[in-house]
């Protein structure tokens, strides 16, 4: 996760503050945000909390290309893998 800014222009995490469906996403953000930001200080990491929102992860790449993943039902480990997968997706766009 230390090389996110190499392939991503922006990372957005959307979730509900109270819903059980967003519980693991909230926990992931609470435990990993500081580490992610420290490792990628220039990468905008946006946290969007909105009542009733399904948990989602969005990545923006060069030329405005965006990809998203629904996080409902995922564990924190699976969410971490999803972040890495989105970063790898940015690498493939540059090839």
N, C-alpha and C. Protein backbone atom coordinates (compact mmCIF):
# COMPACT_ATOMS: atom_id res chain seq x y z
N UNK A 1 0.82 -1.20 0.00
CA UNK A 1 0.00 0.00 0.00
C UNK A 1 0.86 1.26 0.00
N UNK A 2 2.15 1.09 0.15
CA UNK A 2 3.03 2.25 0.18
C UNK A 2 3.20 2.89 -1.18
N UNK A 3 2.90 2.18 -2.26
CA UNK A 3 3.10 2.70 -3.61
C UNK A 3 1.79 3.12 -4.29
N UNK A 4 0.77 3.45 -3.53
CA UNK A 4 -0.51 3.82 -4.12
C UNK A 4 -0.40 5.05 -5.00
N UNK A 5 0.33 6.05 -4.52
CA UNK A 5 0.40 7.32 -5.25
C UNK A 5 1.15 7.18 -6.57
N UNK A 6 1.85 6.09 -6.75
CA UNK A 6 2.57 5.86 -8.00
C UNK A 6 1.58 5.61 -9.15
N UNK A 7 0.44 5.01 -8.85
CA UNK A 7 -0.52 4.64 -9.89
C UNK A 7 -1.86 5.35 -9.79
N UNK A 8 -2.19 5.90 -8.63
CA UNK A 8 -3.49 6.53 -8.42
C UNK A 8 -3.37 8.05 -8.35
N UNK A 9 -4.41 8.73 -8.77
CA UNK A 9 -4.49 10.18 -8.62
C UNK A 9 -5.35 10.55 -7.42
N UNK A 10 -6.26 9.64 -7.03
CA UNK A 10 -7.16 9.90 -5.90
C UNK A 10 -7.78 8.59 -5.46
N UNK A 11 -8.02 8.47 -4.16
CA UNK A 11 -8.69 7.31 -3.59
C UNK A 11 -9.85 7.82 -2.75
N UNK A 12 -11.05 7.30 -3.00
CA UNK A 12 -12.24 7.72 -2.25
C UNK A 12 -12.88 6.52 -1.57
N UNK A 13 -13.23 6.69 -0.31
CA UNK A 13 -13.92 5.66 0.45
C UNK A 13 -15.26 6.24 0.87
N UNK A 14 -16.34 5.56 0.49
CA UNK A 14 -17.68 6.01 0.83
C UNK A 14 -18.33 4.98 1.74
N UNK A 15 -19.02 5.45 2.78
CA UNK A 15 -19.72 4.53 3.67
C UNK A 15 -20.69 5.28 4.56
N UNK A 16 -21.57 4.53 5.21
CA UNK A 16 -22.54 5.06 6.16
C UNK A 16 -21.92 5.03 7.56
N UNK A 17 -22.20 6.06 8.35
CA UNK A 17 -21.63 6.15 9.69
C UNK A 17 -22.20 5.11 10.66
N UNK A 18 -23.40 4.59 10.37
CA UNK A 18 -24.07 3.75 11.36
C UNK A 18 -24.48 2.36 10.87
N UNK A 19 -24.57 2.13 9.59
CA UNK A 19 -25.13 0.86 9.10
C UNK A 19 -24.18 -0.31 9.34
N UNK A 20 -24.75 -1.48 9.65
CA UNK A 20 -23.93 -2.67 9.83
C UNK A 20 -23.17 -3.05 8.55
N UNK A 21 -23.72 -2.75 7.38
CA UNK A 21 -23.06 -3.08 6.11
C UNK A 21 -21.74 -2.33 5.95
N UNK A 22 -21.61 -1.17 6.61
CA UNK A 22 -20.41 -0.36 6.50
C UNK A 22 -19.43 -0.56 7.66
N UNK A 23 -19.74 -1.46 8.59
CA UNK A 23 -18.94 -1.63 9.80
C UNK A 23 -17.47 -1.96 9.49
N UNK A 24 -17.21 -2.91 8.60
CA UNK A 24 -15.82 -3.27 8.33
C UNK A 24 -15.10 -2.16 7.57
N UNK A 25 -15.82 -1.40 6.76
CA UNK A 25 -15.21 -0.27 6.05
C UNK A 25 -14.83 0.82 7.03
N UNK A 26 -15.72 1.12 7.98
CA UNK A 26 -15.40 2.12 9.02
C UNK A 26 -14.17 1.67 9.80
N UNK A 27 -14.14 0.41 10.17
CA UNK A 27 -13.02 -0.12 10.94
C UNK A 27 -11.72 -0.04 10.13
N UNK A 28 -11.79 -0.38 8.84
CA UNK A 28 -10.61 -0.30 7.97
C UNK A 28 -10.07 1.13 7.95
N UNK A 29 -10.95 2.10 7.79
CA UNK A 29 -10.52 3.51 7.73
C UNK A 29 -9.89 3.92 9.06
N UNK A 30 -10.54 3.58 10.17
CA UNK A 30 -10.02 3.94 11.49
C UNK A 30 -8.63 3.37 11.73
N UNK A 31 -8.40 2.15 11.29
CA UNK A 31 -7.13 1.48 11.56
C UNK A 31 -6.04 1.79 10.54
N UNK A 32 -6.41 2.15 9.30
CA UNK A 32 -5.41 2.24 8.23
C UNK A 32 -5.21 3.62 7.63
N UNK A 33 -6.09 4.57 7.91
CA UNK A 33 -5.98 5.88 7.25
C UNK A 33 -4.63 6.55 7.52
N UNK A 34 -4.22 6.60 8.78
CA UNK A 34 -2.95 7.27 9.10
C UNK A 34 -1.77 6.64 8.38
N UNK A 35 -1.72 5.33 8.36
CA UNK A 35 -0.63 4.61 7.69
C UNK A 35 -0.66 4.89 6.17
N UNK A 36 -1.85 4.82 5.58
CA UNK A 36 -1.97 5.10 4.15
C UNK A 36 -1.51 6.51 3.81
N UNK A 37 -1.94 7.47 4.61
CA UNK A 37 -1.60 8.86 4.35
C UNK A 37 -0.12 9.12 4.57
N UNK A 38 0.44 8.50 5.59
CA UNK A 38 1.87 8.67 5.86
C UNK A 38 2.71 8.10 4.72
N UNK A 39 2.29 6.96 4.17
CA UNK A 39 3.02 6.32 3.08
C UNK A 39 2.78 7.01 1.73
N UNK A 40 1.66 7.74 1.62
CA UNK A 40 1.29 8.40 0.37
C UNK A 40 0.86 9.84 0.65
N UNK A 41 1.78 10.69 1.13
CA UNK A 41 1.39 12.02 1.60
C UNK A 41 0.78 12.94 0.54
N UNK A 42 1.11 12.72 -0.73
CA UNK A 42 0.58 13.60 -1.78
C UNK A 42 -0.69 13.06 -2.43
N UNK A 43 -1.07 11.84 -2.10
CA UNK A 43 -2.27 11.24 -2.68
C UNK A 43 -3.51 11.72 -1.93
N UNK A 44 -4.47 12.33 -2.63
CA UNK A 44 -5.73 12.68 -1.96
C UNK A 44 -6.49 11.40 -1.59
N UNK A 45 -6.73 11.21 -0.30
CA UNK A 45 -7.53 10.09 0.19
C UNK A 45 -8.77 10.71 0.82
N UNK A 46 -9.89 10.57 0.13
CA UNK A 46 -11.13 11.21 0.56
C UNK A 46 -12.02 10.22 1.27
N UNK A 47 -12.49 10.60 2.44
CA UNK A 47 -13.39 9.78 3.23
C UNK A 47 -14.76 10.45 3.19
N UNK A 48 -15.74 9.76 2.65
CA UNK A 48 -17.08 10.32 2.50
C UNK A 48 -18.07 9.49 3.30
N UNK A 49 -18.62 10.11 4.35
CA UNK A 49 -19.62 9.46 5.18
C UNK A 49 -20.97 10.08 4.87
N UNK A 50 -21.94 9.23 4.58
CA UNK A 50 -23.29 9.72 4.28
C UNK A 50 -24.29 8.65 4.70
N UNK A 51 -25.29 9.07 5.42
CA UNK A 51 -26.30 8.15 5.92
C UNK A 51 -26.94 7.36 4.77
N UNK A 52 -26.96 6.04 4.90
CA UNK A 52 -27.60 5.18 3.92
C UNK A 52 -26.72 4.80 2.73
N UNK A 53 -25.50 5.30 2.68
CA UNK A 53 -24.61 4.99 1.56
C UNK A 53 -24.04 3.59 1.70
N UNK A 54 -24.04 2.85 0.61
CA UNK A 54 -23.42 1.53 0.59
C UNK A 54 -21.90 1.71 0.58
N UNK A 55 -21.15 0.86 1.29
CA UNK A 55 -19.69 1.02 1.31
C UNK A 55 -19.08 0.76 -0.07
N UNK A 56 -18.25 1.71 -0.50
CA UNK A 56 -17.62 1.63 -1.81
C UNK A 56 -16.22 2.19 -1.75
N UNK A 57 -15.40 1.75 -2.67
CA UNK A 57 -14.04 2.25 -2.82
C UNK A 57 -13.86 2.66 -4.27
N UNK A 58 -13.43 3.90 -4.50
CA UNK A 58 -13.24 4.42 -5.85
C UNK A 58 -11.81 4.90 -6.03
N UNK A 59 -11.25 4.60 -7.17
CA UNK A 59 -9.90 5.05 -7.52
C UNK A 59 -9.99 5.87 -8.80
N UNK A 60 -9.26 6.99 -8.81
CA UNK A 60 -9.17 7.80 -10.03
C UNK A 60 -7.75 7.70 -10.54
N UNK A 61 -7.63 7.48 -11.84
CA UNK A 61 -6.34 7.32 -12.50
C UNK A 61 -6.10 8.50 -13.45
N UNK A 62 -5.05 8.41 -14.22
CA UNK A 62 -4.77 9.42 -15.25
C UNK A 62 -5.95 9.54 -16.21
N UNK A 63 -6.08 10.72 -16.82
CA UNK A 63 -7.08 10.99 -17.85
C UNK A 63 -8.51 10.85 -17.31
N UNK A 64 -8.70 10.94 -15.99
CA UNK A 64 -10.04 10.90 -15.40
C UNK A 64 -10.69 9.53 -15.35
N UNK A 65 -9.96 8.48 -15.65
CA UNK A 65 -10.50 7.12 -15.59
C UNK A 65 -10.75 6.76 -14.13
N UNK A 66 -11.95 6.22 -13.85
CA UNK A 66 -12.29 5.81 -12.48
C UNK A 66 -12.76 4.36 -12.46
N UNK A 67 -12.44 3.69 -11.36
CA UNK A 67 -12.92 2.33 -11.12
C UNK A 67 -13.39 2.24 -9.68
N UNK A 68 -14.48 1.52 -9.49
CA UNK A 68 -15.04 1.38 -8.15
C UNK A 68 -15.29 -0.07 -7.78
N UNK A 69 -15.31 -0.31 -6.48
CA UNK A 69 -15.57 -1.65 -5.93
C UNK A 69 -16.56 -1.49 -4.78
N UNK A 70 -17.60 -2.31 -4.78
CA UNK A 70 -18.53 -2.34 -3.65
C UNK A 70 -17.88 -3.15 -2.52
N UNK A 71 -17.96 -2.62 -1.31
CA UNK A 71 -17.27 -3.24 -0.18
C UNK A 71 -18.21 -3.98 0.77
N UNK A 72 -19.49 -3.96 0.50
CA UNK A 72 -20.46 -4.60 1.39
C UNK A 72 -20.14 -6.09 1.54
N UNK A 73 -20.06 -6.55 2.78
CA UNK A 73 -19.79 -7.95 3.06
C UNK A 73 -18.31 -8.31 3.09
N UNK A 74 -17.44 -7.35 2.80
CA UNK A 74 -16.00 -7.63 2.82
C UNK A 74 -15.43 -7.42 4.21
N UNK A 75 -14.40 -8.21 4.52
CA UNK A 75 -13.66 -8.03 5.77
C UNK A 75 -12.62 -6.93 5.57
N UNK A 76 -11.99 -6.51 6.65
CA UNK A 76 -10.92 -5.50 6.55
C UNK A 76 -9.78 -6.01 5.66
N UNK A 77 -9.45 -7.27 5.77
CA UNK A 77 -8.39 -7.86 4.95
C UNK A 77 -8.77 -7.81 3.47
N UNK A 78 -10.01 -8.12 3.16
CA UNK A 78 -10.48 -8.07 1.78
C UNK A 78 -10.49 -6.64 1.25
N UNK A 79 -10.82 -5.68 2.11
CA UNK A 79 -10.81 -4.27 1.70
C UNK A 79 -9.38 -3.83 1.40
N UNK A 80 -8.45 -4.24 2.24
CA UNK A 80 -7.04 -3.93 2.01
C UNK A 80 -6.58 -4.49 0.67
N UNK A 81 -6.98 -5.72 0.36
CA UNK A 81 -6.64 -6.33 -0.92
C UNK A 81 -7.28 -5.55 -2.06
N UNK A 82 -8.51 -5.08 -1.88
CA UNK A 82 -9.20 -4.31 -2.91
C UNK A 82 -8.45 -3.01 -3.22
N UNK A 83 -7.91 -2.36 -2.19
CA UNK A 83 -7.11 -1.15 -2.38
C UNK A 83 -5.89 -1.49 -3.24
N UNK A 84 -5.21 -2.57 -2.90
CA UNK A 84 -4.05 -3.00 -3.68
C UNK A 84 -4.41 -3.35 -5.11
N UNK A 85 -5.56 -4.02 -5.29
CA UNK A 85 -6.00 -4.38 -6.64
C UNK A 85 -6.28 -3.14 -7.48
N UNK A 86 -6.89 -2.12 -6.88
CA UNK A 86 -7.15 -0.88 -7.62
C UNK A 86 -5.84 -0.20 -8.00
N UNK A 87 -4.86 -0.25 -7.12
CA UNK A 87 -3.55 0.35 -7.44
C UNK A 87 -2.89 -0.41 -8.59
N UNK A 88 -3.00 -1.73 -8.56
CA UNK A 88 -2.44 -2.53 -9.66
C UNK A 88 -3.16 -2.24 -10.97
N UNK A 89 -4.46 -1.98 -10.86
CA UNK A 89 -5.23 -1.63 -12.05
C UNK A 89 -4.70 -0.36 -12.69
N UNK A 90 -4.24 0.58 -11.88
CA UNK A 90 -3.65 1.81 -12.40
C UNK A 90 -2.35 1.54 -13.09
N UNK A 91 -1.59 0.57 -12.61
CA UNK A 91 -0.33 0.21 -13.25
C UNK A 91 -0.59 -0.35 -14.63
N UNK A 92 -1.65 -1.15 -14.76
CA UNK A 92 -1.95 -1.75 -16.07
C UNK A 92 -2.45 -0.69 -17.06
N UNK A 93 -3.06 0.37 -16.57
CA UNK A 93 -3.51 1.45 -17.45
C UNK A 93 -2.33 2.22 -18.03
N UNK A 94 -1.22 2.26 -17.29
CA UNK A 94 -0.04 2.99 -17.75
C UNK A 94 0.79 2.19 -18.73
N UNK A 95 0.56 0.89 -18.81
CA UNK A 95 1.37 0.06 -19.71
C UNK A 95 0.89 0.18 -21.14
